[in-house]
Protein backbone atom coordinates (compact mmCIF):
# COMPACT_ATOMS: atom_id res chain seq x y z
CA MET A 1 89.18 81.00 98.11
CA GLU A 2 90.94 77.68 98.49
CA PHE A 3 92.79 78.10 101.75
CA ALA A 4 89.59 79.17 103.73
CA GLY A 5 89.31 78.12 106.88
CA LYS A 6 93.14 77.26 107.50
CA SER A 7 95.32 80.05 109.39
CA GLY A 8 97.60 82.66 107.62
CA ASP A 9 99.80 86.00 107.79
CA VAL A 10 99.13 88.04 104.86
CA THR A 11 102.31 91.00 105.22
CA ILE A 12 102.89 93.90 102.75
CA SER A 13 106.58 94.92 102.38
CA ASP A 14 107.70 98.06 100.58
CA GLN A 15 109.90 97.95 97.70
CA TYR A 16 113.26 98.08 100.09
CA GLY A 17 111.48 94.50 102.19
CA LYS A 18 110.56 96.64 105.20
CA VAL A 19 107.00 94.93 106.08
CA VAL A 20 104.68 97.84 106.42
CA LYS A 21 101.67 96.13 107.69
CA ALA A 22 100.74 92.83 108.91
CA ASN A 23 97.98 90.57 110.02
CA HIS A 24 97.36 87.10 111.36
CA TYR A 25 94.00 84.96 110.41
CA GLU A 26 93.05 81.77 112.70
CA GLU A 27 90.77 80.79 109.89
CA LEU A 28 91.02 82.93 106.35
CA PRO A 29 87.91 84.01 105.28
CA THR A 30 85.77 82.24 101.76
CA GLU A 31 85.76 85.67 99.99
CA SER A 32 88.54 88.11 99.33
CA LEU A 33 90.60 89.96 101.78
CA ARG A 34 90.15 93.38 102.26
CA ILE A 35 93.53 95.52 103.04
CA ASP A 36 93.02 99.11 103.97
CA VAL A 37 96.14 100.68 102.21
CA SER A 38 94.66 104.36 101.96
CA ASN A 39 97.70 105.87 104.29
CA PHE A 40 100.20 104.15 102.33
CA LYS A 41 102.76 106.40 100.14
CA SER A 42 102.39 106.24 95.96
CA GLY A 43 104.78 102.92 95.20
CA VAL A 44 105.32 99.28 94.62
CA TYR A 45 104.62 97.16 97.55
CA PHE A 46 104.27 92.97 97.82
CA VAL A 47 101.62 91.37 99.47
CA ASN A 48 102.60 87.90 101.07
CA LEU A 49 100.19 85.23 101.90
CA LYS A 50 101.67 82.39 103.86
CA VAL A 51 99.46 79.57 105.06
CA ASP A 52 100.50 77.11 107.83
CA GLY A 53 104.03 78.43 107.80
CA ARG A 54 104.60 78.39 104.23
CA ARG A 55 104.81 81.05 101.91
CA GLN A 56 101.82 80.39 99.25
CA ILE A 57 101.20 83.44 97.16
CA THR A 58 102.91 86.65 95.90
CA LYS A 59 101.56 89.38 94.49
CA ARG A 60 102.83 92.86 93.28
CA LEU A 61 100.73 95.88 94.11
CA ALA A 62 100.68 99.58 92.72
CA VAL A 63 99.41 102.16 95.26
CA VAL A 64 98.76 105.71 93.82
CA ASN A 65 98.24 108.10 96.26
CA GLU A 66 95.37 110.69 94.55
CA ASP A 67 95.78 113.06 97.50
CA TYR A 68 97.18 115.95 94.95
CA GLN A 69 96.86 119.56 95.94
CA TYR A 70 96.23 122.00 93.34
CA ARG A 71 98.29 124.85 93.03
CA ARG A 72 97.55 128.24 90.87
CA LEU A 73 99.88 128.96 88.14
């Protein structure tokens, strides 16, 4: 990871811009970050990584909640 060892903030926002999760890292890890989104509702989210106070990366994240209830028809 090109930002390894630097301080950074990761925020996840919903499609309306509301921040639903935020983490601060004094030192970003050398491996990929794992973020638990299992409690998120299905929808589109945006993951923002800021390093040294500047936005570096924004990625779109689609979450599909697979906790379906089956009903007898």
